[in-house]
Amino acid sequence: MESATKDCGRINVQKRKLGDSGLEIAPLVFGGNVFGWTVDESTSFSLLDAFVAAGFDCIDTADVYSKFVPGNKGGESETIIGRWLRARGKREDVVLATKVGMSMGGDRVGLSKRHIAQAVEESLTRLQTDYIDLYQAHQDDPNTPLEETLAAFDGLIKAGKVRAIGASNYTGTRLGEALRIGSARGLPRYQTLQPLYNLYDRSDYETNLEPVCTANAIAVIPYFSLASGFLTGKYRSKEDLAKSKRGALVENKLDDPRGLKILAALDEVSAKLQSTPTRVALAWLLAKPSVTAPIASATSLSQLDELLASTRLELGASAVERLNRASA
């Protein structure tokens, strides 16, 4: 495998707050969905070593990663991260984020008090830790009252098993309702939101979620920050889709004239800044006042270099406007 990050070294990064939780993180989150899927355990260890050595600290995963892979049952990513934490003794050096709520099979799904109580113990065991820094509702559960979910999280915080809570895949309306209920009932509030947001997928977040997050000082950590690899520019034709296991996820974007306009703008800005589409796409997110830290995954050290370098790239107003116009 490649040697450690070639052009990054340890980056002097400014930490960003996760709401009013007291937690702070570097402005890029490592997406652990690849562990146990497109990355084996040995490579996972190397990537995590390099990520932390470069001055970054937040690792995001979920109990369900990667149940969607044939032969997996879920928990593979957490298990690999737990083994790395034990082997390296790095627990105090990282902000560990995981999620609960998606189906683990049978009745193990949702955000009921019963399921959360079971799921958190399983995650703690796999992660080989006594506490989770950021425990997130992976998706809204319309079958469970919001108050029940928040009360379950409250119990975990009081027991010292969780430090802060976040939400993912909520609508703006439901997120706002959860915040109001928490405030009225003296229950913990969601400090973070994980939405789908990137240069290609803008409308839902900017219209429905960003106003709620901004008004309530919610930290935003977008997932699919590179649109499943589309914004890296590696997919330019249908033949390119076979380059990775995620190729099928971007096929529709190649058929979309707007997608091609975005790639053209990324190429143009990258050339002017002597950079790359990956770095520019992530830097665009980092330039957004409401975004705290995008989540991105890497399967090699060279890919990780690209991700980390994005945190040092200043786009400038004209580049941001060029990208805004192309992706409007």
Protein backbone atom coordinates (compact mmCIF):
# COMPACT_ATOMS: atom_id res chain seq x y z
CA MET A 1 0.00 0.00 0.00
CA GLU A 2 1.06 3.62 -0.47
CA SER A 3 3.20 5.29 2.14
CA ALA A 4 1.54 7.60 4.64
CA THR A 5 -0.08 10.80 3.44
CA LYS A 6 2.40 12.31 1.04
CA ASP A 7 1.48 15.98 1.10
CA CYS A 8 -0.53 16.29 4.26
CA GLY A 9 1.57 15.51 7.29
CA ARG A 10 -0.11 16.86 10.39
CA ILE A 11 -2.48 19.65 9.42
CA ASN A 12 -3.05 22.53 11.82
CA VAL A 13 -6.84 22.45 11.77
CA GLN A 14 -9.32 24.71 13.49
CA LYS A 15 -11.84 22.65 15.43
CA ARG A 16 -15.56 23.24 14.91
CA LYS A 17 -18.26 22.88 17.57
CA LEU A 18 -20.91 20.19 17.54
CA GLY A 19 -23.82 22.37 18.58
CA ASP A 20 -23.61 23.21 22.27
CA SER A 21 -22.55 19.68 23.26
CA GLY A 22 -19.06 20.76 24.30
CA LEU A 23 -17.62 18.48 21.63
CA GLU A 24 -15.38 19.87 18.90
CA ILE A 25 -14.08 18.15 15.79
CA ALA A 26 -11.70 18.80 12.92
CA PRO A 27 -13.54 19.93 9.75
CA LEU A 28 -13.62 16.56 8.01
CA VAL A 29 -15.24 13.33 9.22
CA PHE A 30 -14.04 9.91 8.11
CA GLY A 31 -16.97 7.85 6.82
CA GLY A 32 -16.62 4.34 8.19
CA ASN A 33 -19.19 2.77 5.89
CA VAL A 34 -16.35 1.41 3.73
CA PHE A 35 -14.88 -0.69 6.55
CA GLY A 36 -15.84 -4.31 6.03
CA TRP A 37 -17.21 -3.47 2.59
CA THR A 38 -14.74 -2.00 0.09
CA VAL A 39 -11.85 -1.90 2.61
CA ASP A 40 -10.44 -4.85 4.54
CA GLU A 41 -9.32 -4.65 8.15
CA SER A 42 -5.62 -4.12 7.49
CA THR A 43 -6.28 -1.24 5.08
CA SER A 44 -8.84 0.20 7.50
CA PHE A 45 -6.19 0.34 10.22
CA SER A 46 -3.75 2.13 7.89
CA LEU A 47 -6.37 4.68 6.87
CA LEU A 48 -7.38 5.40 10.46
CA ASP A 49 -3.73 5.69 11.52
CA ALA A 50 -3.06 8.26 8.79
CA PHE A 51 -6.29 10.17 9.43
CA VAL A 52 -5.53 10.68 13.12
CA ALA A 53 -1.81 11.31 12.52
CA ALA A 54 -2.80 14.18 10.21
CA GLY A 55 -4.67 15.90 13.04
CA PHE A 56 -8.22 14.74 12.34
CA ASP A 57 -10.39 13.06 14.90
CA CYS A 58 -14.03 12.27 14.06
CA ILE A 59 -14.98 8.81 12.79
CA ASP A 60 -18.56 8.12 11.73
CA THR A 61 -20.13 4.70 11.46
CA ALA A 62 -23.44 2.91 12.14
CA ASP A 63 -24.60 -0.40 13.56
CA VAL A 64 -26.07 -1.35 10.17
CA TYR A 65 -22.74 -0.96 8.26
CA SER A 66 -22.40 -3.01 6.22
CA LYS A 67 -25.43 -5.27 6.37
CA PHE A 68 -26.18 -4.47 2.73
CA VAL A 69 -23.12 -6.46 1.58
CA PRO A 70 -23.88 -10.12 0.76
CA GLY A 71 -22.60 -12.31 3.58
CA ASN A 72 -22.53 -9.50 6.13
CA LYS A 73 -24.97 -9.17 9.03
CA GLY A 74 -24.26 -5.61 10.16
CA GLY A 75 -21.76 -4.37 12.72
CA GLU A 76 -18.71 -5.07 10.54
CA SER A 77 -17.60 -1.44 10.46
CA GLU A 78 -18.00 -0.94 14.22
CA THR A 79 -16.09 -4.16 14.86
CA ILE A 80 -13.12 -3.03 12.76
CA ILE A 81 -13.07 0.40 14.42
CA GLY A 82 -13.23 -1.25 17.84
CA ARG A 83 -10.28 -3.50 17.06
CA TRP A 84 -8.32 -0.47 15.83
CA LEU A 85 -9.13 1.48 18.99
CA ARG A 86 -8.00 -1.44 21.15
CA ALA A 87 -4.84 -2.06 19.13
CA ARG A 88 -3.78 1.59 19.00
CA GLY A 89 -5.03 2.87 22.36
CA LYS A 90 -6.50 5.92 20.60
CA ARG A 91 -9.92 6.15 22.25
CA GLU A 92 -9.24 9.55 23.85
CA ASP A 93 -7.90 10.92 20.55
CA VAL A 94 -11.10 10.43 18.55
CA VAL A 95 -14.68 11.61 18.54
CA LEU A 96 -16.62 8.43 17.88
CA ALA A 97 -19.98 8.76 16.13
CA THR A 98 -22.33 5.90 15.38
CA LYS A 99 -26.00 5.49 14.55
CA VAL A 100 -29.07 3.45 15.44
CA GLY A 101 -32.47 2.95 13.85
CA MET A 102 -32.10 1.17 10.52
CA SER A 103 -33.10 -2.47 10.30
CA MET A 104 -30.69 -5.02 11.73
CA GLY A 105 -33.15 -7.80 10.91
CA GLY A 106 -36.43 -8.96 12.41
CA ASP A 107 -37.83 -6.53 14.96
CA ARG A 108 -34.45 -4.91 15.51
CA VAL A 109 -35.35 -1.62 13.88
CA GLY A 110 -36.54 1.85 14.77
CA LEU A 111 -36.09 4.26 17.65
CA SER A 112 -38.14 2.69 20.42
CA LYS A 113 -36.73 2.71 23.93
CA ARG A 114 -36.44 -1.08 23.79
CA HIS A 115 -34.51 -1.17 20.54
CA ILE A 116 -32.19 1.70 21.44
CA ALA A 117 -31.35 0.03 24.76
CA GLN A 118 -30.40 -3.19 22.97
CA ALA A 119 -28.61 -1.56 20.07
CA VAL A 120 -26.39 0.72 22.15
CA GLU A 121 -25.03 -2.22 24.15
CA GLU A 122 -24.22 -4.09 20.96
CA SER A 123 -22.47 -1.03 19.48
CA LEU A 124 -20.47 -0.44 22.65
CA THR A 125 -19.34 -4.08 22.61
CA ARG A 126 -18.29 -3.97 18.96
CA LEU A 127 -16.54 -0.62 19.39
CA GLN A 128 -14.77 -1.87 22.54
CA THR A 129 -15.54 1.32 24.43
CA ASP A 130 -17.58 2.42 27.45
CA TYR A 131 -19.11 5.44 25.74
CA ILE A 132 -20.11 6.86 22.38
CA ASP A 133 -19.37 10.53 21.78
CA LEU A 134 -22.16 11.15 19.28
CA TYR A 135 -25.07 8.72 19.06
CA GLN A 136 -27.35 9.45 16.13
CA ALA A 137 -30.85 8.49 15.10
CA HIS A 138 -30.08 7.06 11.66
CA GLN A 139 -33.53 7.81 10.29
CA ASP A 140 -36.82 9.11 11.61
CA ASP A 141 -39.16 6.52 13.11
CA PRO A 142 -42.79 7.59 12.57
CA ASN A 143 -44.00 4.63 14.63
CA THR A 144 -42.30 5.81 17.84
CA PRO A 145 -43.20 9.05 19.62
CA LEU A 146 -40.36 11.57 19.47
CA GLU A 147 -40.58 11.94 23.24
CA GLU A 148 -39.93 8.22 23.75
CA THR A 149 -36.84 8.35 21.55
CA LEU A 150 -35.45 11.44 23.29
CA ALA A 151 -36.18 9.93 26.71
CA ALA A 152 -34.27 6.79 25.72
CA PHE A 153 -31.30 8.91 24.66
CA ASP A 154 -31.60 10.90 27.90
CA GLY A 155 -31.17 7.71 29.90
CA LEU A 156 -28.03 6.81 27.96
CA ILE A 157 -26.54 10.27 28.54
CA LYS A 158 -27.28 10.11 32.26
CA ALA A 159 -25.72 6.63 32.41
CA GLY A 160 -22.53 7.97 30.80
CA LYS A 161 -22.87 5.74 27.75
CA VAL A 162 -23.47 8.64 25.32
CA ARG A 163 -22.13 12.20 25.38
CA ALA A 164 -24.34 13.87 22.76
CA ILE A 165 -27.05 12.94 20.28
CA GLY A 166 -27.68 13.73 16.64
CA ALA A 167 -30.19 13.02 13.89
CA SER A 168 -29.90 11.85 10.30
CA ASN A 169 -32.43 11.66 7.47
CA TYR A 170 -35.04 13.75 9.29
CA THR A 171 -37.25 16.26 7.52
CA GLY A 172 -36.98 19.86 8.63
CA THR A 173 -40.47 19.63 10.11
CA ARG A 174 -39.70 16.55 12.22
CA LEU A 175 -36.31 17.89 13.31
CA GLY A 176 -37.94 21.11 14.46
CA GLU A 177 -40.63 19.15 16.29
CA ALA A 178 -38.02 17.03 18.07
CA LEU A 179 -36.18 20.16 19.16
CA ARG A 180 -39.38 21.71 20.51
CA ILE A 181 -40.32 18.56 22.43
CA GLY A 182 -36.86 18.27 23.92
CA SER A 183 -36.95 21.86 25.09
CA ALA A 184 -40.46 21.60 26.53
CA ARG A 185 -39.90 18.30 28.35
CA GLY A 186 -36.37 18.89 29.58
CA LEU A 187 -34.98 16.18 27.32
CA PRO A 188 -31.68 16.31 25.39
CA ARG A 189 -31.66 18.07 22.03
CA TYR A 190 -30.20 16.86 18.78
CA GLN A 191 -26.85 18.67 18.48
CA THR A 192 -26.07 17.53 14.94
CA LEU A 193 -27.76 16.65 11.70
CA GLN A 194 -26.48 14.30 9.01
CA PRO A 195 -28.25 15.24 5.79
CA LEU A 196 -27.65 14.30 2.18
CA TYR A 197 -25.91 17.42 0.89
CA ASN A 198 -23.34 18.09 -1.79
CA LEU A 199 -22.80 20.18 -4.90
CA TYR A 200 -25.23 17.97 -6.84
CA ASP A 201 -27.85 17.32 -4.11
CA ARG A 202 -28.71 20.80 -2.82
CA SER A 203 -32.41 21.53 -2.91
CA ASP A 204 -33.85 19.55 0.02
CA TYR A 205 -31.19 20.60 2.50
CA GLU A 206 -31.09 24.25 1.53
CA THR A 207 -34.88 24.60 1.40
CA ASN A 208 -36.11 22.46 4.29
CA LEU A 209 -33.25 21.68 6.66
CA GLU A 210 -30.73 24.50 6.62
CA PRO A 211 -33.15 27.08 8.09
CA VAL A 212 -33.90 24.80 11.05
CA CYS A 213 -30.22 24.01 11.65
CA THR A 214 -29.17 27.64 11.42
CA ALA A 215 -31.93 28.87 13.74
CA ASN A 216 -31.08 26.23 16.35
CA ALA A 217 -27.27 26.18 16.06
CA ILE A 218 -27.31 22.55 14.90
CA ALA A 219 -23.97 21.27 13.60
CA VAL A 220 -24.29 19.88 10.08
CA ILE A 221 -22.17 16.93 8.97
CA PRO A 222 -23.33 16.05 5.44
CA TYR A 223 -23.05 12.53 4.05
CA PHE A 224 -22.44 11.59 0.39
CA SER A 225 -20.36 14.78 0.27
CA LEU A 226 -18.91 13.70 -3.07
CA ALA A 227 -22.21 12.31 -4.41
CA SER A 228 -21.01 8.70 -4.23
CA GLY A 229 -17.83 9.64 -6.10
CA PHE A 230 -19.53 11.53 -8.95
CA LEU A 231 -17.98 14.85 -7.88
CA THR A 232 -14.46 13.40 -7.98
CA GLY A 233 -14.74 13.47 -11.77
CA LYS A 234 -13.76 9.84 -12.17
CA TYR A 235 -17.07 9.00 -13.85
CA ARG A 236 -17.22 10.70 -17.27
CA SER A 237 -18.93 8.01 -19.34
CA LYS A 238 -21.01 4.87 -18.86
CA GLU A 239 -17.83 2.82 -19.30
CA ASP A 240 -16.40 4.48 -16.18
CA LEU A 241 -19.21 3.11 -14.00
CA ALA A 242 -17.41 -0.22 -13.71
CA LYS A 243 -14.49 1.49 -11.92
CA SER A 244 -15.98 0.94 -8.47
CA LYS A 245 -18.77 -0.78 -6.58
CA ARG A 246 -20.51 2.57 -6.26
CA GLY A 247 -20.61 3.19 -10.00
CA ALA A 248 -24.27 2.26 -10.30
CA LEU A 249 -25.17 5.00 -7.81
CA VAL A 250 -24.05 7.77 -10.17
CA GLU A 251 -25.40 6.54 -13.52
CA ASN A 252 -28.40 8.88 -13.43
CA LYS A 253 -26.13 11.87 -12.85
CA LEU A 254 -24.27 11.19 -16.10
CA ASP A 255 -27.62 11.33 -17.91
CA ASP A 256 -28.44 14.69 -16.31
CA PRO A 257 -27.27 17.83 -18.18
CA ARG A 258 -27.02 19.59 -14.82
CA GLY A 259 -24.59 16.93 -13.61
CA LEU A 260 -22.37 17.52 -16.62
CA LYS A 261 -22.52 21.29 -16.00
CA ILE A 262 -21.32 20.71 -12.45
CA LEU A 263 -18.41 18.57 -13.63
CA ALA A 264 -17.45 21.26 -16.13
CA ALA A 265 -17.47 23.90 -13.39
CA LEU A 266 -15.39 21.68 -11.12
CA ASP A 267 -12.87 21.19 -13.92
CA GLU A 268 -12.70 24.93 -14.55
CA VAL A 269 -12.24 25.89 -10.90
CA SER A 270 -9.76 23.07 -10.33
CA ALA A 271 -7.62 24.25 -13.25
CA LYS A 272 -7.61 27.85 -12.00
CA LEU A 273 -6.64 26.80 -8.49
CA GLN A 274 -4.27 24.03 -9.60
CA SER A 275 -6.35 21.62 -7.56
CA THR A 276 -8.69 18.67 -8.19
CA PRO A 277 -12.48 18.22 -8.43
CA THR A 278 -12.48 16.23 -5.16
CA ARG A 279 -10.78 18.99 -3.21
CA VAL A 280 -12.91 21.70 -4.79
CA ALA A 281 -16.21 19.88 -4.14
CA LEU A 282 -15.37 19.38 -0.46
CA ALA A 283 -14.03 22.92 -0.13
CA TRP A 284 -17.35 24.19 -1.49
CA LEU A 285 -19.12 22.45 1.37
CA LEU A 286 -16.60 23.72 3.91
CA ALA A 287 -17.22 27.27 2.69
CA LYS A 288 -20.91 26.99 3.57
CA PRO A 289 -21.56 28.79 6.90
CA SER A 290 -24.08 26.15 8.01
CA VAL A 291 -21.78 23.17 7.36
CA THR A 292 -19.58 21.95 10.19
CA ALA A 293 -17.68 19.05 8.64
CA PRO A 294 -18.50 16.91 5.61
CA ILE A 295 -18.26 13.14 5.84
CA ALA A 296 -16.11 11.46 3.21
CA SER A 297 -14.68 7.98 2.78
CA ALA A 298 -11.37 6.76 1.39
CA THR A 299 -10.24 3.31 0.34
CA SER A 300 -6.55 4.16 -0.12
CA LEU A 301 -4.01 6.54 1.38
CA SER A 302 -3.82 8.51 -1.86
CA GLN A 303 -7.58 9.08 -1.70
CA LEU A 304 -7.24 10.14 1.94
CA ASP A 305 -4.61 12.70 0.93
CA GLU A 306 -7.14 14.23 -1.44
CA LEU A 307 -9.79 14.48 1.26
CA LEU A 308 -7.51 16.04 3.86
CA ALA A 309 -6.05 18.51 1.38
CA SER A 310 -9.54 19.92 0.77
CA THR A 311 -9.50 21.45 4.25
CA ARG A 312 -6.58 23.68 3.21
CA LEU A 313 -8.15 24.92 -0.01
CA GLU A 314 -9.63 28.44 -0.05
CA LEU A 315 -11.95 28.77 -3.02
CA GLY A 316 -12.59 32.49 -3.05
CA ALA A 317 -15.89 34.22 -3.81
CA SER A 318 -15.69 33.94 -7.60
CA ALA A 319 -15.07 30.18 -7.51
CA VAL A 320 -17.92 29.64 -5.07
CA GLU A 321 -20.24 31.67 -7.29
CA ARG A 322 -19.18 29.71 -10.38
CA LEU A 323 -20.03 26.44 -8.61
CA ASN A 324 -23.28 27.84 -7.23
CA ARG A 325 -24.44 28.85 -10.70
CA ALA A 326 -23.56 25.51 -12.28
CA SER A 327 -25.34 23.52 -9.57
CA ALA A 328 -28.36 25.80 -9.07
